[in-house]
Amino acid sequence: MTATLEDQLDTIRQGAFVELSGTVIEVRGLAVRVADLPVPVGSTVTVKTGRAKGKGPSIEGEVIGFDRDQTLIMPYGSTSGIRRGDRVTAGQFSQFVRVGESLLGRVLDGLGNPLDGKPMPNDTVFRPLRPKPIDPMDRPLIDTPLATGVRAVDGLLSVGRGQRLGVFAAPGVGKSTLLGTMVRHTEADVSVIALVGERGREVRDFIENHLGEAGLARSVVVCATGDEAAPVRLRAALVANTIAEYFRDRGLNVLLIMDSITRFCQAQRQIGLAAGEPPATKGYPPSVFSLLPTLLERSGRTTKGSITGLYAVLVEGDDMNEPIADAARGILDGHVVLSRALAAKGHWPAIDVLESISRVCDEVIQSDQQAARRQVLRLVNAYRQVEDLLNIGAYPAGSNPEFDLAIACKPSIDQFLQQGKQEVKGIADFDKTRRQVVALTHQFAAARKQVERLTQRPVQQAPARR
């Protein structure tokens, strides 16, 4: 039996063949309490308002928990209009989403419905929103690089097909621009973008200015803005993962971008608190930290294809150790840190290469690039150590050969790390970036000879204090 047919049978099995219904007894905060509705957590329901005349609008929702003999529901929209005695009917016991190749170039909402004014294609199939975990023995090793079009990433923090990488950034540091560049110029077959909790203005801005027409043609965008209900924002991330898994199972290399994990966790925090969970770490209930690895582990490489996950983590108050950032860092296969200090200097992309790491970098690049990468990072670290002394004019040239070399090589390193937003054209070339990194080492060799001649001179003594 094919996987597609099995998915369709699962859809039928999870349906409610006998109509189950209950009655609204209370609305408390974001949750609706319903009596006499024996359905499992995660089921979809419909609240039929206007009980007196039966002509009120229907409000979709989801079961989030139980409180004694009451079923707790969180609507996909506002609770406005719901009143005591309204009828609530059950839908699917386990949620599914429609997927297919015809979704390429389309923009969907958090429920999987079209947002671009076009009808839903008819040649789609149903897949479960929350599939079973992948067998760890079905995950081959990550050994092939994936070009992103960003030199600092491809050269020093190389990403492998099937890797999960976090992009940690405070607001306004260039996170969306960086992710848009990666989507537009990646060599992945298909891109799936989840915009979770974004501002409404930024959705179209990302699609038109960052993604572009060419990028959208081989992408699927799923978005749920910050003014939508928490279950819709949460569901948008799951819908994007399900779509990416469909293309992965067809043997393609998929790039999944999620912006942002933080707002995904904030949506689950609202749901958990509404269900009665106690707040734990900085107001986040335990369900947030159990759901996070479940989401992130859905990416990766399998024997069929790969999903390379790039997850934006919006840090609060520039604190890279806040709860969500700390939890995500322990699950992901690496992280790219964007620095506000670099962004203030006009350094784009504002990637702090010393604070960033790719755990599969050495497994996907050649030995010459490994050696060049280590030299660049060593010199960047050396310059950072001496930078304060240089700014106040307290470093005498020739005092430390390593510092002198770092100072001499700083312009060429910055030229490599900085990259104009329109500099990349077409699909990124990983081999070209590798050659550029190796070429830097030749410039280092010439600078090293000049430093050696400099250090042979007598070192000037610091002026005596008066």
Protein backbone atom coordinates (compact mmCIF):
# COMPACT_ATOMS: atom_id res chain seq x y z
CA MET A 1 0.00 0.00 0.00
CA THR A 2 1.41 3.37 -0.98
CA ALA A 3 2.05 6.07 1.60
CA THR A 4 -0.46 8.40 -0.11
CA LEU A 5 -3.27 5.82 0.07
CA GLU A 6 -2.44 5.09 3.70
CA ASP A 7 -2.72 8.80 4.51
CA GLN A 8 -6.17 8.95 2.92
CA LEU A 9 -7.29 5.93 4.93
CA ASP A 10 -6.05 7.59 8.12
CA THR A 11 -8.18 10.60 7.26
CA ILE A 12 -11.26 8.40 7.03
CA ARG A 13 -10.43 6.56 10.28
CA GLN A 14 -10.13 9.81 12.24
CA GLY A 15 -13.50 11.13 11.14
CA ALA A 16 -16.50 11.32 13.45
CA PHE A 17 -19.03 8.98 11.82
CA VAL A 18 -21.56 9.62 14.59
CA GLU A 19 -22.18 13.30 15.29
CA LEU A 20 -20.94 14.19 18.74
CA SER A 21 -22.10 17.45 20.22
CA GLY A 22 -22.01 19.37 23.47
CA THR A 23 -23.19 22.63 24.96
CA VAL A 24 -21.30 25.80 25.86
CA ILE A 25 -21.51 26.46 29.58
CA GLU A 26 -18.85 29.12 30.09
CA VAL A 27 -16.30 31.36 28.36
CA ARG A 28 -13.30 32.08 30.58
CA GLY A 29 -10.50 34.12 29.06
CA LEU A 30 -9.46 32.54 25.77
CA ALA A 31 -11.04 29.15 26.50
CA VAL A 32 -14.60 27.95 25.98
CA ARG A 33 -15.89 25.32 28.41
CA VAL A 34 -18.24 22.74 26.93
CA ALA A 35 -20.29 20.03 28.62
CA ASP A 36 -21.06 16.55 27.22
CA LEU A 37 -18.45 16.52 24.42
CA PRO A 38 -16.32 13.31 24.70
CA VAL A 39 -13.66 13.97 22.03
CA PRO A 40 -9.85 13.73 22.33
CA VAL A 41 -7.40 16.59 22.65
CA GLY A 42 -6.53 18.03 19.23
CA SER A 43 -9.96 17.43 17.73
CA THR A 44 -11.53 20.15 15.63
CA VAL A 45 -14.93 21.45 16.65
CA THR A 46 -17.52 23.94 15.43
CA VAL A 47 -19.41 26.30 17.71
CA LYS A 48 -22.79 27.13 16.22
CA THR A 49 -23.79 30.53 17.57
CA GLY A 50 -27.23 32.15 17.49
CA ARG A 51 -28.94 29.36 19.41
CA ALA A 52 -32.31 31.09 19.45
CA LYS A 53 -32.78 31.38 15.68
CA GLY A 54 -30.05 29.03 14.50
CA LYS A 55 -28.76 31.59 12.00
CA GLY A 56 -25.62 32.78 13.75
CA PRO A 57 -22.11 32.32 12.32
CA SER A 58 -20.12 29.17 13.03
CA ILE A 59 -16.81 29.45 14.85
CA GLU A 60 -14.15 26.80 14.33
CA GLY A 61 -11.95 25.73 17.23
CA GLU A 62 -9.78 23.04 18.73
CA VAL A 63 -9.91 20.94 21.89
CA ILE A 64 -6.97 21.89 24.15
CA GLY A 65 -7.75 19.98 27.35
CA PHE A 66 -10.24 18.98 30.02
CA ASP A 67 -11.28 20.20 33.45
CA ARG A 68 -13.15 17.46 35.31
CA ASP A 69 -16.25 16.80 33.17
CA GLN A 70 -15.79 19.87 30.97
CA THR A 71 -14.03 20.01 27.59
CA LEU A 72 -11.82 23.06 27.02
CA ILE A 73 -11.91 24.58 23.53
CA MET A 74 -9.91 27.46 22.07
CA PRO A 75 -11.52 29.04 18.98
CA TYR A 76 -9.57 29.83 15.82
CA GLY A 77 -11.03 33.32 16.04
CA SER A 78 -12.56 35.60 18.63
CA THR A 79 -14.88 34.34 21.37
CA SER A 80 -17.16 37.27 20.63
CA GLY A 81 -20.70 36.06 19.87
CA ILE A 82 -20.45 32.80 21.81
CA ARG A 83 -23.03 32.44 24.56
CA ARG A 84 -24.18 29.89 27.08
CA GLY A 85 -26.14 27.07 25.50
CA ASP A 86 -24.61 27.27 22.01
CA ARG A 87 -24.16 23.90 20.38
CA VAL A 88 -20.69 22.53 19.72
CA THR A 89 -20.18 19.68 17.22
CA ALA A 90 -17.06 17.58 16.71
CA GLY A 91 -15.14 17.37 13.43
CA GLN A 92 -11.92 15.44 12.88
CA PHE A 93 -10.45 13.62 15.87
CA SER A 94 -6.94 14.10 14.40
CA GLN A 95 -6.17 17.02 12.13
CA PHE A 96 -5.08 16.75 8.50
CA VAL A 97 -3.90 19.21 5.88
CA ARG A 98 -4.09 19.20 2.08
CA VAL A 99 -0.73 19.07 0.29
CA GLY A 100 0.48 18.68 -3.29
CA GLU A 101 2.90 19.95 -5.91
CA SER A 102 0.31 22.45 -7.14
CA LEU A 103 0.83 24.44 -3.92
CA LEU A 104 4.15 25.78 -5.25
CA GLY A 105 3.91 29.53 -5.65
CA ARG A 106 0.91 29.74 -3.32
CA VAL A 107 0.33 31.59 -0.04
CA LEU A 108 -1.73 29.80 2.63
CA ASP A 109 -3.08 30.77 6.04
CA GLY A 110 -2.54 28.90 9.28
CA LEU A 111 -5.43 26.55 8.55
CA GLY A 112 -4.05 25.60 5.13
CA ASN A 113 -6.53 27.70 3.14
CA PRO A 114 -5.45 29.98 0.24
CA LEU A 115 -4.65 33.61 1.06
CA ASP A 116 -3.77 34.75 -2.45
CA GLY A 117 -7.31 34.84 -3.80
CA LYS A 118 -6.92 31.70 -5.90
CA PRO A 119 -8.95 28.52 -5.35
CA MET A 120 -7.50 25.50 -3.61
CA PRO A 121 -6.13 23.00 -6.17
CA ASN A 122 -8.11 19.81 -6.62
CA ASP A 123 -5.11 17.52 -7.05
CA THR A 124 -4.07 17.67 -3.39
CA VAL A 125 -3.98 14.84 -0.87
CA PHE A 126 -4.43 14.74 2.89
CA ARG A 127 -1.55 14.24 5.31
CA PRO A 128 -1.66 14.16 9.12
CA LEU A 129 -0.77 17.39 10.85
CA ARG A 130 1.10 15.51 13.60
CA PRO A 131 2.74 12.40 12.10
CA LYS A 132 4.64 9.74 13.97
CA PRO A 133 8.27 10.54 14.88
CA ILE A 134 10.95 9.50 12.39
CA ASP A 135 12.89 6.36 13.26
CA PRO A 136 16.40 7.55 14.22
CA MET A 137 17.88 4.65 12.24
CA ASP A 138 16.16 6.05 9.15
CA ARG A 139 18.32 9.20 9.30
CA PRO A 140 21.48 8.98 7.14
CA LEU A 141 24.51 11.05 8.02
CA ILE A 142 24.63 14.65 6.79
CA ASP A 143 27.53 14.80 4.34
CA THR A 144 26.46 17.14 1.51
CA PRO A 145 26.65 20.95 1.72
CA LEU A 146 23.69 23.16 0.88
CA ALA A 147 24.52 26.56 -0.59
CA THR A 148 22.54 29.47 0.85
CA GLY A 149 24.04 32.37 -1.09
CA VAL A 150 25.42 34.05 2.05
CA ARG A 151 29.24 33.97 1.99
CA ALA A 152 29.65 34.17 5.76
CA VAL A 153 27.42 31.11 6.15
CA ASP A 154 28.64 29.04 3.21
CA GLY A 155 32.30 29.82 3.88
CA LEU A 156 32.59 29.66 7.67
CA LEU A 157 29.34 28.09 8.94
CA SER A 158 28.57 25.68 6.12
CA VAL A 159 25.11 24.14 6.21
CA GLY A 160 24.49 20.50 5.27
CA ARG A 161 21.40 19.07 3.62
CA GLY A 162 19.14 17.95 6.44
CA GLN A 163 20.69 20.19 9.09
CA ARG A 164 18.64 22.26 11.54
CA LEU A 165 20.11 25.70 12.09
CA GLY A 166 18.86 28.48 14.32
CA VAL A 167 19.15 32.18 13.42
CA PHE A 168 19.28 34.05 16.74
CA ALA A 169 18.58 37.77 16.54
CA ALA A 170 17.03 40.67 18.38
CA PRO A 171 14.37 42.74 16.59
CA GLY A 172 15.61 44.98 13.78
CA VAL A 173 19.00 43.34 13.16
CA GLY A 174 18.26 41.98 9.66
CA LYS A 175 16.90 38.53 10.40
CA SER A 176 14.11 38.59 7.79
CA THR A 177 16.42 40.01 5.13
CA LEU A 178 18.96 37.26 5.77
CA LEU A 179 16.34 34.53 5.60
CA GLY A 180 14.88 36.01 2.42
CA THR A 181 18.32 35.98 0.79
CA MET A 182 18.76 32.33 1.70
CA VAL A 183 15.37 31.38 0.26
CA ARG A 184 15.89 33.29 -2.95
CA HIS A 185 19.33 31.91 -3.76
CA THR A 186 19.39 28.47 -2.14
CA GLU A 187 20.15 25.44 -4.26
CA ALA A 188 17.37 23.45 -2.54
CA ASP A 189 14.67 22.04 -4.81
CA VAL A 190 11.72 23.49 -2.87
CA SER A 191 11.36 26.08 -0.13
CA VAL A 192 8.60 26.17 2.48
CA ILE A 193 8.32 29.37 4.53
CA ALA A 194 6.32 29.63 7.75
CA LEU A 195 5.68 33.19 8.96
CA VAL A 196 4.40 32.66 12.49
CA GLY A 197 3.16 35.64 14.47
CA GLU A 198 4.56 38.22 12.05
CA ARG A 199 3.17 41.72 11.63
CA GLY A 200 0.55 41.90 8.92
CA ARG A 201 2.60 44.49 7.02
CA GLU A 202 5.66 42.24 6.94
CA VAL A 203 3.99 39.31 5.19
CA ARG A 204 3.61 40.99 1.81
CA ASP A 205 6.90 42.83 2.30
CA PHE A 206 8.70 39.52 2.79
CA ILE A 207 7.04 37.93 -0.24
CA GLU A 208 7.62 40.80 -2.67
CA ASN A 209 10.87 42.38 -1.48
CA HIS A 210 12.80 39.55 0.18
CA LEU A 211 11.46 36.45 -1.58
CA GLY A 212 10.75 37.85 -5.03
CA GLU A 213 8.79 36.40 -7.93
CA ALA A 214 11.45 33.80 -8.76
CA GLY A 215 11.74 32.69 -5.15
CA LEU A 216 7.99 32.39 -4.71
CA ALA A 217 7.66 30.24 -7.83
CA ARG A 218 9.45 27.36 -6.10
CA SER A 219 8.15 28.05 -2.62
CA VAL A 220 5.07 27.59 -0.46
CA VAL A 221 4.35 30.32 2.09
CA VAL A 222 2.26 29.65 5.19
CA CYS A 223 1.54 32.66 7.39
CA ALA A 224 -0.41 33.46 10.52
CA THR A 225 -0.09 37.04 11.69
CA GLY A 226 0.27 38.13 15.30
CA ASP A 227 -3.36 39.26 15.57
CA GLU A 228 -4.70 35.77 14.86
CA ALA A 229 -5.66 33.29 17.56
CA ALA A 230 -2.95 31.25 19.25
CA PRO A 231 -4.13 27.89 17.79
CA VAL A 232 -3.91 29.34 14.27
CA ARG A 233 -0.35 30.58 14.84
CA LEU A 234 0.61 27.22 16.29
CA ARG A 235 -1.05 25.37 13.46
CA ALA A 236 0.76 27.43 10.80
CA ALA A 237 4.10 25.95 11.89
CA LEU A 238 2.66 22.42 11.78
CA VAL A 239 1.11 22.99 8.34
CA ALA A 240 4.45 24.19 6.95
CA ASN A 241 6.21 21.11 8.34
CA THR A 242 3.59 18.81 6.84
CA ILE A 243 3.97 20.41 3.41
CA ALA A 244 7.77 20.13 3.64
CA GLU A 245 7.48 16.45 4.58
CA TYR A 246 5.34 15.80 1.50
CA PHE A 247 8.04 17.15 -0.83
CA ARG A 248 10.77 15.37 1.16
CA ASP A 249 9.03 12.02 0.76
CA ARG A 250 9.01 12.61 -3.00
CA GLY A 251 12.83 12.59 -2.96
CA LEU A 252 13.42 16.35 -2.99
CA ASN A 253 15.76 18.50 -0.93
CA VAL A 254 13.55 20.98 0.92
CA LEU A 255 14.54 24.21 2.67
CA LEU A 256 12.15 24.95 5.56
CA ILE A 257 12.31 28.46 7.02
CA MET A 258 10.32 29.31 10.13
CA ASP A 259 10.09 32.86 11.43
CA SER A 260 9.91 32.59 14.32
CA ILE A 261 10.22 29.80 16.84
CA THR A 262 9.79 32.31 19.66
CA ARG A 263 6.33 33.35 18.52
CA PHE A 264 5.42 29.69 18.02
CA CYS A 265 6.30 29.08 21.68
CA GLN A 266 4.39 32.18 22.75
CA ALA A 267 1.30 30.79 21.03
CA GLN A 268 1.69 27.50 22.90
CA ARG A 269 2.15 29.48 26.13
CA GLN A 270 -1.25 31.10 25.62
CA ILE A 271 -2.83 27.72 24.92
CA GLY A 272 -1.16 26.04 27.89
CA LEU A 273 -2.14 28.77 30.33
CA ALA A 274 -5.71 28.74 29.01
CA ALA A 275 -5.81 24.97 29.59
CA GLY A 276 -4.79 25.46 33.22
CA GLU A 277 -1.08 24.63 33.07
CA PRO A 278 1.08 26.24 35.75
CA PRO A 279 3.66 28.76 34.48
CA ALA A 280 7.21 27.45 34.86
CA THR A 281 10.24 29.25 33.40
CA LYS A 282 9.52 32.97 32.90
CA GLY A 283 5.83 32.30 32.38
CA TYR A 284 6.25 29.42 29.91
CA PRO A 285 4.33 26.25 30.90
CA PRO A 286 5.97 22.81 30.61
CA SER A 287 4.10 21.98 27.39
CA VAL A 288 6.18 24.58 25.51
CA PHE A 289 9.43 22.76 26.23
CA SER A 290 7.94 19.37 25.36
CA LEU A 291 6.42 20.63 22.09
CA LEU A 292 9.60 22.38 20.90
CA PRO A 293 11.71 19.24 20.24
CA THR A 294 8.68 17.56 18.67
CA LEU A 295 8.53 20.36 16.11
CA LEU A 296 12.27 20.71 15.45
CA GLU A 297 12.88 16.97 15.12
CA ARG A 298 10.52 16.81 12.14
CA SER A 299 13.25 18.30 9.96
CA GLY A 300 16.33 16.41 8.88
CA ARG A 301 17.51 13.90 6.34
CA THR A 302 15.82 10.57 5.66
CA THR A 303 16.40 7.80 3.13
CA LYS A 304 13.86 9.51 0.84
CA GLY A 305 14.94 13.15 0.91
CA SER A 306 15.88 15.96 3.25
CA ILE A 307 14.44 18.97 5.04
CA THR A 308 17.00 21.61 5.94
CA GLY A 309 15.47 23.72 8.69
CA LEU A 310 16.39 27.36 9.30
CA TYR A 311 14.59 28.58 12.41
CA ALA A 312 14.55 32.22 13.47
CA VAL A 313 14.75 32.71 17.23
CA LEU A 314 13.71 36.19 18.33
CA VAL A 315 15.65 36.84 21.54
CA GLU A 316 14.13 39.17 24.11
CA GLY A 317 16.24 42.10 25.24
CA ASP A 318 19.30 40.84 23.32
CA ASP A 319 19.49 37.99 25.85
CA MET A 320 20.86 34.97 24.00
CA ASN A 321 20.26 32.80 27.10
CA GLU A 322 16.56 33.46 27.61
CA PRO A 323 14.45 30.25 27.98
CA ILE A 324 13.37 29.69 24.36
CA ALA A 325 16.77 30.55 22.90
CA ASP A 326 18.51 28.30 25.39
CA ALA A 327 16.15 25.38 24.76
CA ALA A 328 16.37 25.75 20.96
CA ARG A 329 20.17 25.94 21.04
CA GLY A 330 20.30 22.57 22.80
CA ILE A 331 18.12 20.90 20.16
CA LEU A 332 19.37 22.41 16.90
CA ASP A 333 22.47 21.39 14.93
CA GLY A 334 23.97 24.86 15.08
CA HIS A 335 23.14 28.52 15.40
CA VAL A 336 23.86 31.78 13.59
CA VAL A 337 23.96 34.80 15.89
CA LEU A 338 23.21 38.26 14.50
CA SER A 339 24.93 41.09 16.38
CA ARG A 340 23.30 44.45 16.99
CA ALA A 341 26.78 46.02 17.30
CA LEU A 342 27.73 44.84 13.80
CA ALA A 343 24.40 45.99 12.40
CA ALA A 344 24.98 49.44 13.88
CA LYS A 345 28.26 49.63 11.94
CA GLY A 346 26.50 48.89 8.65
CA HIS A 347 28.00 45.40 8.54
CA TRP A 348 25.53 43.21 6.60
CA PRO A 349 24.81 40.46 7.19
CA ALA A 350 25.48 41.18 10.87
CA ILE A 351 26.66 37.63 11.59
CA ASP A 352 28.92 37.22 14.60
CA VAL A 353 31.03 34.35 13.26
CA LEU A 354 32.72 33.76 16.62
CA GLU A 355 29.44 33.29 18.50
CA SER A 356 27.96 31.16 15.70
CA ILE A 357 28.57 27.48 15.08
CA SER A 358 27.57 24.74 12.64
CA ARG A 359 27.92 21.28 14.15
CA VAL A 360 28.13 19.55 10.76
CA CYS A 361 30.42 22.06 9.06
CA ASP A 362 33.56 19.90 9.02
CA GLU A 363 31.56 16.91 7.71
CA VAL A 364 30.33 18.72 4.59
CA ILE A 365 33.37 20.77 3.47
CA GLN A 366 36.76 19.86 2.02
CA SER A 367 40.03 19.92 3.94
CA ASP A 368 41.35 23.09 2.27
CA GLN A 369 38.22 24.99 3.29
CA GLN A 370 38.49 23.61 6.83
CA ALA A 371 42.04 24.98 7.15
CA ALA A 372 41.08 28.35 5.67
CA ARG A 373 38.02 28.59 7.93
CA ARG A 374 40.14 28.02 11.04
CA GLN A 375 42.61 30.73 9.97
CA VAL A 376 39.86 33.28 9.39
CA LEU A 377 38.20 32.59 12.73
CA ARG A 378 41.54 32.76 14.56
CA LEU A 379 42.32 36.17 13.07
CA VAL A 380 38.82 37.50 13.75
CA ASN A 381 39.23 36.43 17.38
CA ALA A 382 42.68 38.05 17.60
CA TYR A 383 41.38 41.36 16.23
CA ARG A 384 38.51 41.35 18.72
CA GLN A 385 41.00 40.99 21.58
CA VAL A 386 43.04 44.00 20.47
CA GLU A 387 40.20 46.16 19.15
CA ASP A 388 39.67 48.15 22.35
CA LEU A 389 43.36 48.99 22.56
CA LEU A 390 43.34 50.14 18.96
CA ASN A 391 40.35 52.40 19.54
CA ILE A 392 42.12 54.30 22.31
CA GLY A 393 45.51 54.28 20.59
CA ALA A 394 47.14 52.12 23.27
CA TYR A 395 48.44 49.30 21.07
CA PRO A 396 52.02 49.80 19.78
CA ALA A 397 52.59 48.11 16.42
CA GLY A 398 54.94 45.15 16.60
CA SER A 399 54.04 44.14 20.16
CA ASN A 400 52.25 40.93 19.17
CA PRO A 401 52.73 39.26 15.74
CA GLU A 402 49.27 37.61 15.90
CA PHE A 403 47.57 40.92 16.63
CA ASP A 404 49.56 42.64 13.90
CA LEU A 405 48.53 39.99 11.39
CA ALA A 406 44.88 40.30 12.42
CA ILE A 407 45.03 44.09 11.99
CA ALA A 408 46.62 43.76 8.56
CA CYS A 409 44.06 41.17 7.39
CA LYS A 410 40.98 42.91 8.81
CA PRO A 411 40.01 44.74 5.57
CA SER A 412 40.16 41.59 3.43
CA ILE A 413 38.21 39.57 6.01
CA ASP A 414 35.52 42.26 6.23
CA GLN A 415 35.28 42.37 2.46
CA PHE A 416 34.55 38.66 2.45
CA LEU A 417 32.08 38.68 5.35
CA GLN A 418 30.13 41.74 4.18
CA GLN A 419 27.78 41.19 1.30
CA GLY A 420 25.36 43.48 -0.49
CA LYS A 421 21.72 42.45 -0.52
CA GLN A 422 21.68 42.38 -4.33
CA GLU A 423 25.16 40.92 -4.74
CA VAL A 424 24.05 37.34 -5.24
CA LYS A 425 22.46 36.60 -8.58
CA GLY A 426 20.74 33.34 -9.39
CA ILE A 427 21.34 30.11 -7.52
CA ALA A 428 24.28 30.16 -5.12
CA ASP A 429 27.53 28.41 -6.07
CA PHE A 430 29.07 26.67 -3.06
CA ASP A 431 32.33 25.85 -4.86
CA LYS A 432 32.81 29.52 -5.72
CA THR A 433 32.51 30.46 -2.06
CA ARG A 434 34.95 27.72 -1.09
CA ARG A 435 37.51 29.11 -3.54
CA GLN A 436 37.04 32.60 -2.10
CA VAL A 437 37.74 31.36 1.43
CA VAL A 438 40.87 29.54 0.32
CA ALA A 439 42.02 32.61 -1.61
CA LEU A 440 41.93 34.59 1.63
CA THR A 441 44.74 32.41 3.00
CA HIS A 442 47.01 33.55 0.16
CA GLN A 443 46.39 37.16 1.19
CA PHE A 444 47.18 36.16 4.78
CA ALA A 445 50.55 34.73 3.64
CA ALA A 446 51.53 38.03 2.01
CA ALA A 447 50.43 39.98 5.09
CA ARG A 448 52.36 37.61 7.34
CA LYS A 449 55.63 38.43 5.58
CA GLN A 450 55.05 42.13 6.15
CA VAL A 451 54.32 41.51 9.82
CA GLU A 452 57.49 39.46 10.22
CA ARG A 453 59.54 42.36 8.86
CA LEU A 454 57.72 44.69 11.24
CA THR A 455 58.37 42.59 14.34
CA GLN A 456 62.10 42.58 13.69
CA ARG A 457 62.16 46.28 14.53
CA PRO A 458 62.60 47.32 18.16
CA VAL A 459 59.36 47.57 20.04
CA GLN A 460 58.54 51.10 21.07
CA GLN A 461 58.16 51.57 24.79
CA ALA A 462 55.10 53.16 26.29
CA PRO A 463 55.66 56.76 27.45
CA ALA A 464 56.50 57.08 31.13
CA ARG A 465 53.83 58.38 33.46
CA ARG A 466 54.24 61.83 34.90
